[in-house]
N, C-alpha and C. Protein backbone atom coordinates (compact mmCIF):
# COMPACT_ATOMS: atom_id res chain seq x y z
N MET A 1 55.84 -5.85 -44.69
CA MET A 1 55.48 -4.44 -44.56
C MET A 1 53.96 -4.32 -44.46
N PRO A 2 53.46 -3.57 -43.51
CA PRO A 2 52.02 -3.46 -43.33
C PRO A 2 51.34 -2.87 -44.54
N HIS A 3 50.11 -3.29 -44.76
CA HIS A 3 49.29 -2.76 -45.84
C HIS A 3 48.98 -1.31 -45.58
N PRO A 4 48.92 -0.48 -46.64
CA PRO A 4 48.68 0.96 -46.42
C PRO A 4 47.39 1.25 -45.67
N HIS A 5 46.35 0.36 -45.83
CA HIS A 5 45.07 0.62 -45.18
C HIS A 5 44.96 -0.06 -43.82
N ASP A 6 46.02 -0.71 -43.40
CA ASP A 6 46.00 -1.40 -42.11
C ASP A 6 46.45 -0.47 -41.01
N THR A 7 45.61 -0.25 -40.03
CA THR A 7 45.97 0.64 -38.90
C THR A 7 46.21 -0.16 -37.64
N SER A 8 46.21 -1.47 -37.74
CA SER A 8 46.42 -2.29 -36.56
C SER A 8 47.88 -2.51 -36.26
N GLY A 9 48.77 -2.19 -37.23
CA GLY A 9 50.19 -2.40 -37.00
C GLY A 9 50.66 -3.77 -37.36
N GLU A 10 49.77 -4.66 -37.87
CA GLU A 10 50.15 -6.01 -38.23
C GLU A 10 50.22 -6.15 -39.75
N ALA A 11 51.11 -7.03 -40.21
CA ALA A 11 51.25 -7.25 -41.64
C ALA A 11 50.07 -7.99 -42.20
N CYS A 12 49.67 -7.66 -43.45
CA CYS A 12 48.55 -8.30 -44.10
C CYS A 12 49.07 -9.19 -45.21
N THR A 13 48.47 -10.33 -45.33
CA THR A 13 48.85 -11.25 -46.41
C THR A 13 48.20 -10.78 -47.70
N PRO A 14 48.78 -11.14 -48.82
CA PRO A 14 48.22 -10.72 -50.12
C PRO A 14 46.79 -11.24 -50.28
N GLY A 15 45.94 -10.42 -50.80
CA GLY A 15 44.55 -10.80 -51.03
C GLY A 15 43.68 -10.73 -49.80
N ARG A 16 44.22 -10.37 -48.66
CA ARG A 16 43.46 -10.29 -47.41
C ARG A 16 43.26 -8.83 -47.03
N ARG A 17 41.99 -8.51 -46.83
CA ARG A 17 41.67 -7.13 -46.47
C ARG A 17 41.81 -6.95 -44.96
N CYS A 18 42.54 -5.96 -44.56
CA CYS A 18 42.76 -5.71 -43.14
C CYS A 18 41.80 -4.64 -42.63
N LEU A 19 41.23 -4.90 -41.44
CA LEU A 19 40.29 -3.96 -40.84
C LEU A 19 40.99 -3.11 -39.79
N PRO A 20 40.61 -1.89 -39.67
CA PRO A 20 41.20 -1.02 -38.64
C PRO A 20 40.66 -1.39 -37.26
N LEU A 21 41.32 -2.32 -36.56
CA LEU A 21 40.82 -2.85 -35.29
C LEU A 21 40.99 -1.89 -34.13
N LYS A 22 42.09 -1.20 -34.09
CA LYS A 22 42.35 -0.32 -32.94
C LYS A 22 41.29 0.76 -32.78
N PRO A 23 40.86 1.42 -33.85
CA PRO A 23 39.79 2.41 -33.67
C PRO A 23 38.50 1.80 -33.15
N LEU A 24 38.20 0.54 -33.58
CA LEU A 24 36.98 -0.11 -33.11
C LEU A 24 37.08 -0.47 -31.63
N LEU A 25 38.24 -0.95 -31.23
CA LEU A 25 38.43 -1.35 -29.84
C LEU A 25 38.38 -0.17 -28.89
N HIS A 26 38.80 0.97 -29.35
CA HIS A 26 38.84 2.15 -28.48
C HIS A 26 37.62 3.04 -28.65
N SER A 27 36.69 2.68 -29.52
CA SER A 27 35.51 3.51 -29.74
C SER A 27 34.58 3.43 -28.53
N ARG A 28 34.03 4.58 -28.15
CA ARG A 28 33.08 4.66 -27.03
C ARG A 28 31.68 5.01 -27.50
N ASP A 29 31.46 5.00 -28.81
CA ASP A 29 30.14 5.33 -29.35
C ASP A 29 29.11 4.32 -28.87
N GLY A 30 27.99 4.79 -28.26
CA GLY A 30 26.91 3.92 -27.81
C GLY A 30 27.15 3.26 -26.47
N ALA A 31 28.31 3.49 -25.84
CA ALA A 31 28.60 2.86 -24.55
C ALA A 31 27.63 3.30 -23.47
N ALA A 32 27.31 4.59 -23.46
CA ALA A 32 26.38 5.11 -22.44
C ALA A 32 24.99 4.49 -22.58
N ALA A 33 24.56 4.30 -23.84
CA ALA A 33 23.24 3.70 -24.07
C ALA A 33 23.20 2.26 -23.58
N ILE A 34 24.27 1.53 -23.82
CA ILE A 34 24.34 0.13 -23.38
C ILE A 34 24.37 0.05 -21.85
N GLU A 35 25.16 0.91 -21.23
CA GLU A 35 25.25 0.91 -19.77
C GLU A 35 23.90 1.27 -19.15
N PHE A 36 23.20 2.24 -19.74
CA PHE A 36 21.88 2.62 -19.22
C PHE A 36 20.89 1.48 -19.37
N ALA A 37 20.95 0.78 -20.52
CA ALA A 37 20.04 -0.34 -20.74
C ALA A 37 20.25 -1.43 -19.69
N LEU A 38 21.50 -1.64 -19.30
CA LEU A 38 21.79 -2.67 -18.29
C LEU A 38 21.30 -2.25 -16.91
N LEU A 39 21.36 -0.96 -16.62
CA LEU A 39 21.00 -0.48 -15.28
C LEU A 39 19.57 0.01 -15.18
N ALA A 40 18.88 0.17 -16.30
CA ALA A 40 17.55 0.78 -16.29
C ALA A 40 16.55 -0.04 -15.48
N ILE A 41 16.52 -1.37 -15.70
CA ILE A 41 15.52 -2.20 -15.03
C ILE A 41 15.65 -2.15 -13.51
N PRO A 42 16.84 -2.45 -12.94
CA PRO A 42 16.93 -2.35 -11.47
C PRO A 42 16.73 -0.93 -10.95
N TYR A 43 17.15 0.06 -11.73
CA TYR A 43 16.99 1.46 -11.30
C TYR A 43 15.50 1.80 -11.17
N PHE A 44 14.73 1.50 -12.21
CA PHE A 44 13.31 1.84 -12.18
C PHE A 44 12.54 1.00 -11.16
N LEU A 45 12.98 -0.24 -10.93
CA LEU A 45 12.35 -1.06 -9.90
C LEU A 45 12.50 -0.41 -8.53
N ILE A 46 13.70 0.09 -8.26
CA ILE A 46 13.95 0.75 -6.98
C ILE A 46 13.13 2.03 -6.86
N VAL A 47 13.05 2.79 -7.95
CA VAL A 47 12.27 4.04 -7.94
C VAL A 47 10.80 3.74 -7.69
N PHE A 48 10.26 2.73 -8.40
CA PHE A 48 8.85 2.37 -8.21
C PHE A 48 8.61 1.86 -6.79
N ALA A 49 9.56 1.12 -6.24
CA ALA A 49 9.42 0.60 -4.88
C ALA A 49 9.36 1.74 -3.87
N ILE A 50 10.21 2.75 -4.06
CA ILE A 50 10.21 3.91 -3.16
C ILE A 50 8.88 4.65 -3.26
N ILE A 51 8.41 4.86 -4.48
CA ILE A 51 7.16 5.59 -4.68
C ILE A 51 5.99 4.83 -4.07
N GLU A 52 5.94 3.50 -4.31
CA GLU A 52 4.81 2.73 -3.80
C GLU A 52 4.81 2.67 -2.27
N THR A 53 6.00 2.53 -1.68
CA THR A 53 6.09 2.52 -0.22
C THR A 53 5.60 3.85 0.35
N PHE A 54 6.00 4.94 -0.27
CA PHE A 54 5.57 6.27 0.17
C PHE A 54 4.05 6.41 0.08
N ILE A 55 3.46 5.97 -1.04
CA ILE A 55 2.01 6.10 -1.22
C ILE A 55 1.27 5.21 -0.22
N ALA A 56 1.78 4.00 0.02
CA ALA A 56 1.13 3.08 0.95
C ALA A 56 1.09 3.66 2.36
N PHE A 57 2.20 4.25 2.80
CA PHE A 57 2.22 4.81 4.15
C PHE A 57 1.42 6.12 4.21
N THR A 58 1.30 6.82 3.08
CA THR A 58 0.42 7.98 3.02
C THR A 58 -1.04 7.53 3.18
N GLY A 59 -1.39 6.41 2.51
CA GLY A 59 -2.73 5.86 2.67
C GLY A 59 -3.01 5.44 4.10
N GLU A 60 -2.00 4.91 4.77
CA GLU A 60 -2.17 4.52 6.18
C GLU A 60 -2.48 5.75 7.04
N GLN A 61 -1.78 6.84 6.79
CA GLN A 61 -2.02 8.06 7.53
C GLN A 61 -3.41 8.61 7.24
N LEU A 62 -3.83 8.49 5.99
CA LEU A 62 -5.15 8.97 5.59
C LEU A 62 -6.27 8.20 6.29
N ILE A 63 -6.12 6.88 6.37
CA ILE A 63 -7.10 6.06 7.09
C ILE A 63 -7.15 6.45 8.56
N GLY A 64 -5.98 6.66 9.15
CA GLY A 64 -5.92 7.06 10.55
C GLY A 64 -6.62 8.38 10.81
N ASN A 65 -6.43 9.33 9.91
CA ASN A 65 -7.09 10.63 10.06
C ASN A 65 -8.61 10.49 9.92
N ALA A 66 -9.05 9.63 8.99
CA ALA A 66 -10.49 9.42 8.81
C ALA A 66 -11.11 8.79 10.05
N VAL A 67 -10.40 7.85 10.67
CA VAL A 67 -10.90 7.23 11.90
C VAL A 67 -11.01 8.27 13.00
N ASP A 68 -10.04 9.15 13.12
CA ASP A 68 -10.10 10.21 14.14
C ASP A 68 -11.29 11.13 13.91
N THR A 69 -11.50 11.51 12.64
CA THR A 69 -12.60 12.43 12.31
C THR A 69 -13.96 11.80 12.59
N MET A 70 -14.14 10.55 12.14
CA MET A 70 -15.44 9.90 12.31
C MET A 70 -15.70 9.55 13.77
N SER A 71 -14.67 9.19 14.51
CA SER A 71 -14.87 8.88 15.93
C SER A 71 -15.24 10.13 16.71
N ARG A 72 -14.71 11.28 16.28
CA ARG A 72 -15.09 12.53 16.93
C ARG A 72 -16.57 12.83 16.71
N LYS A 73 -17.06 12.54 15.53
CA LYS A 73 -18.49 12.76 15.23
C LYS A 73 -19.37 11.80 16.04
N LEU A 74 -18.88 10.58 16.24
CA LEU A 74 -19.62 9.63 17.08
C LEU A 74 -19.61 10.08 18.53
N ARG A 75 -18.47 10.54 18.99
CA ARG A 75 -18.32 10.91 20.40
C ARG A 75 -19.17 12.12 20.77
N THR A 76 -19.33 13.04 19.83
CA THR A 76 -20.08 14.27 20.13
C THR A 76 -21.57 14.16 19.79
N GLY A 77 -21.98 13.02 19.22
CA GLY A 77 -23.38 12.83 18.91
C GLY A 77 -23.80 13.35 17.54
N GLN A 78 -22.84 13.82 16.74
CA GLN A 78 -23.19 14.23 15.37
C GLN A 78 -23.67 13.03 14.56
N ILE A 79 -23.06 11.87 14.86
CA ILE A 79 -23.48 10.61 14.23
C ILE A 79 -23.97 9.68 15.32
N THR A 80 -25.19 9.19 15.17
CA THR A 80 -25.76 8.21 16.08
C THR A 80 -26.43 7.11 15.26
N ALA A 81 -26.78 6.04 15.93
CA ALA A 81 -27.46 4.94 15.24
C ALA A 81 -28.82 5.38 14.72
N GLU A 82 -29.39 6.42 15.34
CA GLU A 82 -30.72 6.89 14.94
C GLU A 82 -30.68 7.78 13.70
N ASN A 83 -29.66 8.63 13.59
CA ASN A 83 -29.64 9.58 12.46
C ASN A 83 -28.75 9.17 11.30
N THR A 84 -27.97 8.10 11.46
CA THR A 84 -27.05 7.67 10.40
C THR A 84 -27.03 6.15 10.33
N ASP A 85 -27.41 5.59 9.19
CA ASP A 85 -27.34 4.13 9.06
C ASP A 85 -25.94 3.71 8.58
N GLU A 86 -25.74 2.41 8.44
CA GLU A 86 -24.41 1.89 8.12
C GLU A 86 -23.91 2.39 6.76
N ALA A 87 -24.78 2.39 5.76
CA ALA A 87 -24.37 2.82 4.42
C ALA A 87 -23.97 4.30 4.43
N ALA A 88 -24.73 5.12 5.15
CA ALA A 88 -24.41 6.55 5.21
C ALA A 88 -23.10 6.79 5.97
N PHE A 89 -22.88 6.03 7.04
CA PHE A 89 -21.64 6.15 7.79
C PHE A 89 -20.45 5.77 6.91
N ARG A 90 -20.61 4.68 6.17
CA ARG A 90 -19.53 4.24 5.28
C ARG A 90 -19.26 5.28 4.20
N THR A 91 -20.31 5.87 3.67
CA THR A 91 -20.14 6.89 2.64
C THR A 91 -19.37 8.09 3.18
N GLN A 92 -19.71 8.52 4.40
CA GLN A 92 -18.98 9.63 5.01
C GLN A 92 -17.51 9.28 5.23
N PHE A 93 -17.26 8.05 5.64
CA PHE A 93 -15.87 7.61 5.84
C PHE A 93 -15.12 7.64 4.51
N CYS A 94 -15.76 7.16 3.46
CA CYS A 94 -15.13 7.15 2.14
C CYS A 94 -14.84 8.56 1.65
N ASP A 95 -15.71 9.50 2.00
CA ASP A 95 -15.47 10.90 1.60
C ASP A 95 -14.20 11.44 2.24
N GLU A 96 -13.88 10.95 3.43
CA GLU A 96 -12.68 11.42 4.14
C GLU A 96 -11.39 10.92 3.49
N ILE A 97 -11.46 9.82 2.77
CA ILE A 97 -10.25 9.24 2.17
C ILE A 97 -10.28 9.30 0.64
N ALA A 98 -11.25 10.02 0.10
CA ALA A 98 -11.47 10.02 -1.36
C ALA A 98 -10.30 10.60 -2.14
N ILE A 99 -9.44 11.39 -1.50
CA ILE A 99 -8.32 11.99 -2.21
C ILE A 99 -7.34 10.95 -2.74
N LEU A 100 -7.31 9.77 -2.09
CA LEU A 100 -6.35 8.74 -2.49
C LEU A 100 -6.98 7.37 -2.67
N ILE A 101 -8.05 7.09 -1.91
CA ILE A 101 -8.67 5.76 -1.91
C ILE A 101 -10.12 5.88 -2.35
N GLN A 102 -10.50 5.06 -3.31
CA GLN A 102 -11.86 5.08 -3.81
C GLN A 102 -12.69 3.97 -3.17
N CYS A 103 -13.83 4.32 -2.60
CA CYS A 103 -14.77 3.35 -2.05
C CYS A 103 -16.15 3.98 -2.04
N SER A 104 -17.14 3.27 -1.57
CA SER A 104 -18.51 3.78 -1.57
C SER A 104 -19.26 3.24 -0.36
N GLY A 105 -20.55 3.53 -0.32
CA GLY A 105 -21.37 3.05 0.78
C GLY A 105 -21.62 1.56 0.73
N ALA A 106 -21.40 0.95 -0.44
CA ALA A 106 -21.59 -0.49 -0.57
C ALA A 106 -20.41 -1.25 0.05
N LYS A 107 -20.72 -2.36 0.71
CA LYS A 107 -19.67 -3.15 1.35
C LYS A 107 -18.79 -3.83 0.30
N ASP A 108 -17.51 -3.92 0.62
CA ASP A 108 -16.58 -4.68 -0.22
C ASP A 108 -15.53 -5.31 0.68
N ASN A 109 -14.64 -6.12 0.09
CA ASN A 109 -13.67 -6.83 0.91
C ASN A 109 -12.38 -6.04 1.13
N LYS A 110 -12.34 -4.80 0.64
CA LYS A 110 -11.14 -3.98 0.83
C LYS A 110 -11.23 -3.14 2.10
N LEU A 111 -12.34 -2.45 2.25
CA LEU A 111 -12.53 -1.60 3.43
C LEU A 111 -13.56 -2.24 4.36
N ILE A 112 -13.14 -2.47 5.59
CA ILE A 112 -14.03 -3.04 6.61
C ILE A 112 -14.06 -2.09 7.80
N LEU A 113 -15.27 -1.73 8.21
CA LEU A 113 -15.45 -0.80 9.33
C LEU A 113 -16.15 -1.52 10.48
N ASP A 114 -15.55 -1.43 11.65
CA ASP A 114 -16.07 -2.10 12.85
C ASP A 114 -16.40 -1.03 13.88
N VAL A 115 -17.69 -0.80 14.10
CA VAL A 115 -18.15 0.20 15.07
C VAL A 115 -18.99 -0.52 16.11
N ARG A 116 -18.52 -0.54 17.36
CA ARG A 116 -19.24 -1.26 18.42
C ARG A 116 -19.12 -0.52 19.74
N SER A 117 -20.02 -0.83 20.64
CA SER A 117 -19.96 -0.29 22.00
C SER A 117 -19.62 -1.42 22.96
N PHE A 118 -18.97 -1.07 24.09
CA PHE A 118 -18.53 -2.05 25.08
C PHE A 118 -18.85 -1.55 26.48
N SER A 119 -18.88 -2.51 27.39
CA SER A 119 -19.17 -2.14 28.78
C SER A 119 -18.00 -1.42 29.42
N THR A 120 -16.78 -1.89 29.12
CA THR A 120 -15.57 -1.27 29.68
C THR A 120 -14.52 -1.17 28.57
N PHE A 121 -13.52 -0.34 28.78
CA PHE A 121 -12.43 -0.22 27.81
C PHE A 121 -11.63 -1.53 27.72
N ALA A 122 -11.59 -2.28 28.82
CA ALA A 122 -10.85 -3.54 28.83
C ALA A 122 -11.46 -4.57 27.89
N ASP A 123 -12.74 -4.43 27.57
CA ASP A 123 -13.40 -5.39 26.68
C ASP A 123 -13.08 -5.16 25.21
N ILE A 124 -12.50 -4.03 24.89
CA ILE A 124 -12.20 -3.73 23.48
C ILE A 124 -11.10 -4.66 22.98
N PRO A 125 -11.32 -5.35 21.87
CA PRO A 125 -10.30 -6.28 21.36
C PRO A 125 -9.01 -5.57 20.97
N LYS A 126 -7.91 -6.19 21.31
CA LYS A 126 -6.59 -5.59 21.06
C LYS A 126 -5.84 -6.25 19.92
N THR A 127 -6.36 -7.34 19.40
CA THR A 127 -5.67 -8.06 18.33
C THR A 127 -6.47 -7.97 17.02
N ILE A 128 -5.78 -8.24 15.94
CA ILE A 128 -6.42 -8.24 14.62
C ILE A 128 -6.93 -9.65 14.34
N PRO A 129 -8.22 -9.81 14.07
CA PRO A 129 -8.74 -11.16 13.79
C PRO A 129 -8.24 -11.68 12.45
N ARG A 130 -7.57 -12.82 12.49
CA ARG A 130 -7.03 -13.43 11.27
C ARG A 130 -7.48 -14.87 11.17
N LYS A 131 -7.62 -15.33 9.96
CA LYS A 131 -8.04 -16.70 9.73
C LYS A 131 -6.93 -17.66 10.19
N GLY A 132 -7.34 -18.65 10.98
CA GLY A 132 -6.38 -19.62 11.49
C GLY A 132 -5.46 -19.07 12.55
N ASN A 133 -5.72 -17.83 13.01
CA ASN A 133 -4.84 -17.18 13.99
C ASN A 133 -3.39 -17.14 13.56
N GLU A 134 -3.16 -17.15 12.25
CA GLU A 134 -1.79 -17.08 11.73
C GLU A 134 -1.31 -15.63 11.74
N ARG A 135 0.00 -15.48 11.86
CA ARG A 135 0.59 -14.13 11.97
C ARG A 135 0.28 -13.29 10.73
N PHE A 136 0.40 -13.89 9.54
CA PHE A 136 0.14 -13.17 8.30
C PHE A 136 -1.09 -13.74 7.57
N GLY A 137 -1.98 -14.34 8.35
CA GLY A 137 -3.18 -14.93 7.77
C GLY A 137 -4.13 -13.87 7.22
N ASP A 138 -5.08 -14.32 6.42
CA ASP A 138 -6.05 -13.41 5.83
C ASP A 138 -6.93 -12.81 6.92
N LEU A 139 -7.46 -11.64 6.64
CA LEU A 139 -8.28 -10.93 7.61
C LEU A 139 -9.62 -11.65 7.83
N ALA A 140 -10.00 -11.79 9.09
CA ALA A 140 -11.26 -12.46 9.43
C ALA A 140 -12.31 -11.49 9.95
N ALA A 141 -12.03 -10.20 9.91
CA ALA A 141 -12.97 -9.20 10.42
C ALA A 141 -14.13 -9.01 9.45
N VAL A 142 -15.25 -8.57 9.99
CA VAL A 142 -16.44 -8.28 9.17
C VAL A 142 -16.96 -6.89 9.54
N ASP A 143 -17.76 -6.33 8.66
CA ASP A 143 -18.36 -5.01 8.93
C ASP A 143 -19.37 -5.11 10.07
N VAL A 144 -19.24 -4.21 11.02
CA VAL A 144 -20.19 -4.12 12.14
C VAL A 144 -20.51 -2.65 12.36
N TYR A 145 -21.79 -2.37 12.54
CA TYR A 145 -22.20 -0.99 12.83
C TYR A 145 -23.22 -1.00 13.96
N GLU A 146 -22.69 -0.90 15.18
CA GLU A 146 -23.53 -0.92 16.37
C GLU A 146 -23.03 0.13 17.36
N PRO A 147 -23.11 1.42 16.99
CA PRO A 147 -22.61 2.46 17.91
C PRO A 147 -23.50 2.60 19.13
N GLY A 148 -22.88 2.92 20.25
CA GLY A 148 -23.64 3.11 21.48
C GLY A 148 -24.20 4.52 21.56
N GLY A 149 -24.96 4.74 22.58
CA GLY A 149 -25.58 6.05 22.78
C GLY A 149 -24.73 6.98 23.61
N ALA A 150 -25.36 7.96 24.20
CA ALA A 150 -24.66 8.96 25.02
C ALA A 150 -23.96 8.29 26.20
N ALA A 151 -22.74 8.76 26.48
CA ALA A 151 -21.93 8.30 27.61
C ALA A 151 -21.51 6.84 27.52
N SER A 152 -21.64 6.24 26.36
CA SER A 152 -21.23 4.83 26.20
C SER A 152 -19.78 4.75 25.70
N ILE A 153 -19.17 3.60 25.94
CA ILE A 153 -17.79 3.35 25.50
C ILE A 153 -17.85 2.70 24.12
N ASN A 154 -17.11 3.26 23.19
CA ASN A 154 -17.18 2.79 21.81
C ASN A 154 -15.80 2.57 21.21
N MET A 155 -15.80 1.80 20.12
CA MET A 155 -14.58 1.59 19.34
C MET A 155 -14.93 1.73 17.86
N LEU A 156 -14.08 2.44 17.14
CA LEU A 156 -14.15 2.49 15.68
C LEU A 156 -12.82 1.96 15.15
N ARG A 157 -12.90 0.89 14.41
CA ARG A 157 -11.68 0.31 13.83
C ARG A 157 -11.89 0.13 12.33
N ALA A 158 -10.93 0.58 11.56
CA ALA A 158 -10.99 0.46 10.10
C ALA A 158 -9.86 -0.45 9.62
N TYR A 159 -10.22 -1.34 8.73
CA TYR A 159 -9.24 -2.21 8.07
C TYR A 159 -9.28 -1.90 6.57
N TYR A 160 -8.12 -1.81 5.97
CA TYR A 160 -8.08 -1.59 4.52
C TYR A 160 -6.97 -2.44 3.91
N ARG A 161 -7.34 -3.19 2.87
CA ARG A 161 -6.36 -4.01 2.15
C ARG A 161 -5.74 -3.16 1.04
N TRP A 162 -4.49 -2.82 1.21
CA TRP A 162 -3.78 -2.02 0.20
C TRP A 162 -3.07 -2.99 -0.77
N GLU A 163 -3.46 -2.90 -2.02
CA GLU A 163 -2.86 -3.80 -3.01
C GLU A 163 -1.46 -3.33 -3.37
N ILE A 164 -0.49 -4.24 -3.28
CA ILE A 164 0.90 -3.93 -3.58
C ILE A 164 1.17 -4.28 -5.05
N ILE A 165 1.66 -3.31 -5.81
CA ILE A 165 1.90 -3.50 -7.23
C ILE A 165 3.33 -3.98 -7.51
N THR A 166 4.29 -3.36 -6.85
CA THR A 166 5.71 -3.65 -7.12
C THR A 166 6.14 -4.91 -6.38
N ASP A 167 6.55 -5.92 -7.13
CA ASP A 167 6.96 -7.19 -6.53
C ASP A 167 8.16 -7.02 -5.60
N LEU A 168 9.00 -6.03 -5.88
CA LEU A 168 10.23 -5.86 -5.11
C LEU A 168 9.95 -5.58 -3.64
N VAL A 169 8.87 -4.83 -3.34
CA VAL A 169 8.61 -4.46 -1.95
C VAL A 169 7.58 -5.38 -1.28
N ARG A 170 6.91 -6.24 -2.05
CA ARG A 170 5.85 -7.08 -1.48
C ARG A 170 6.32 -7.92 -0.29
N PRO A 171 7.47 -8.60 -0.37
CA PRO A 171 7.88 -9.43 0.78
C PRO A 171 8.18 -8.62 2.04
N TYR A 172 8.43 -7.32 1.88
CA TYR A 172 8.85 -6.51 3.02
C TYR A 172 7.72 -5.74 3.69
N ILE A 173 6.68 -5.37 2.94
CA ILE A 173 5.61 -4.58 3.57
C ILE A 173 4.26 -5.30 3.59
N SER A 174 4.16 -6.46 2.95
CA SER A 174 2.88 -7.17 2.97
C SER A 174 2.64 -7.75 4.36
N THR A 175 1.43 -7.56 4.88
CA THR A 175 1.07 -8.10 6.19
C THR A 175 -0.08 -9.10 6.07
N ILE A 176 -0.54 -9.33 4.85
CA ILE A 176 -1.47 -10.43 4.55
C ILE A 176 -0.79 -11.30 3.50
N ARG A 177 -0.47 -12.53 3.88
CA ARG A 177 0.22 -13.44 2.97
C ARG A 177 -0.54 -14.76 2.94
N PRO A 178 -1.47 -14.91 1.99
CA PRO A 178 -2.29 -16.12 1.93
C PRO A 178 -1.44 -17.38 1.80
N SER A 179 -1.88 -18.45 2.46
CA SER A 179 -1.13 -19.71 2.44
C SER A 179 -1.15 -20.37 1.07
N ASP A 180 -2.10 -19.97 0.21
CA ASP A 180 -2.16 -20.58 -1.12
C ASP A 180 -1.16 -19.97 -2.09
N GLY A 181 -0.36 -19.01 -1.61
CA GLY A 181 0.66 -18.41 -2.46
C GLY A 181 0.19 -17.26 -3.31
N SER A 182 -1.07 -16.85 -3.17
CA SER A 182 -1.57 -15.72 -3.94
C SER A 182 -0.94 -14.42 -3.44
N ARG A 183 -1.12 -13.36 -4.20
CA ARG A 183 -0.47 -12.10 -3.91
C ARG A 183 -0.90 -11.54 -2.56
N GLY A 184 0.08 -11.07 -1.79
CA GLY A 184 -0.20 -10.51 -0.48
C GLY A 184 -0.56 -9.04 -0.57
N ASP A 185 -1.17 -8.53 0.51
CA ASP A 185 -1.56 -7.12 0.59
C ASP A 185 -0.97 -6.49 1.83
N PHE A 186 -0.91 -5.18 1.82
CA PHE A 186 -0.50 -4.41 2.99
C PHE A 186 -1.76 -4.05 3.76
N LEU A 187 -1.90 -4.59 4.96
CA LEU A 187 -3.11 -4.35 5.77
C LEU A 187 -2.94 -3.08 6.59
N ILE A 188 -3.82 -2.13 6.34
CA ILE A 188 -3.85 -0.89 7.11
C ILE A 188 -4.91 -1.02 8.20
N VAL A 189 -4.52 -0.75 9.43
CA VAL A 189 -5.44 -0.83 10.56
C VAL A 189 -5.35 0.45 11.37
N ALA A 190 -6.49 1.05 11.66
CA ALA A 190 -6.54 2.24 12.51
C ALA A 190 -7.68 2.09 13.50
N THR A 191 -7.42 2.43 14.76
CA THR A 191 -8.41 2.22 15.81
C THR A 191 -8.56 3.47 16.67
N ALA A 192 -9.77 3.75 17.07
CA ALA A 192 -10.04 4.81 18.04
C ALA A 192 -10.99 4.26 19.10
N ALA A 193 -10.60 4.37 20.35
CA ALA A 193 -11.45 3.96 21.48
C ALA A 193 -11.80 5.22 22.28
N PHE A 194 -13.07 5.37 22.61
CA PHE A 194 -13.49 6.63 23.22
C PHE A 194 -14.80 6.43 23.99
N LYS A 195 -15.07 7.38 24.84
CA LYS A 195 -16.35 7.40 25.56
C LYS A 195 -17.17 8.58 25.05
N ASN A 196 -18.37 8.29 24.62
CA ASN A 196 -19.23 9.36 24.10
C ASN A 196 -19.54 10.40 25.16
N GLU A 197 -19.68 11.61 24.67
CA GLU A 197 -20.12 12.68 25.57
C GLU A 197 -21.60 12.43 25.95
N ASN A 198 -21.98 12.98 27.05
CA ASN A 198 -23.36 12.81 27.50
C ASN A 198 -24.24 13.85 26.79
N TYR A 199 -24.32 13.68 25.46
CA TYR A 199 -25.02 14.66 24.64
C TYR A 199 -26.55 14.57 24.77
N ALA A 200 -27.04 13.56 25.47
CA ALA A 200 -28.49 13.40 25.62
C ALA A 200 -29.08 14.42 26.59
N LYS A 201 -28.24 15.06 27.37
CA LYS A 201 -28.76 16.04 28.37
C LYS A 201 -29.37 17.24 27.68
């Protein structure tokens, strides 16, 4: 005959305390917390990946807009080699992207600005200079500030190394992958090719 305190339906031997197993087996207390703990890590990784991808592509759009704005100033003669030096030009460019990206007039390895004049549009380089000419090699570009004068053909190209924080998205959006295995970056590139107005008249 089952023990009066036994709710499992099984007989208990003398001197043996029986535990109510069925209520324990059917209890759902804390199940939601355990399930959330198991799913929290992958869930938040995905959320962070979505947010970082969104911010990275927003930064790309911001760089593109800054290139358009600064190239317009070069084209119309608001900015020339005579009235604006390299540090001042860089500072103005940084002001255009200050809402999301922090930089200054001092050169660094994150933001590289290439401003040059060419004889023809065909002479403007169409590829991204990379070390070793590798597809995902490190950037080999350097800062150049040599804008042409009135009616000259010019190019403004901006490179920015966007640091990727979330490991989950790094293999998919990184476009700089060093051969030494160090962390890769998302390379933002924006270019404007234009002919200056004949503002010298």
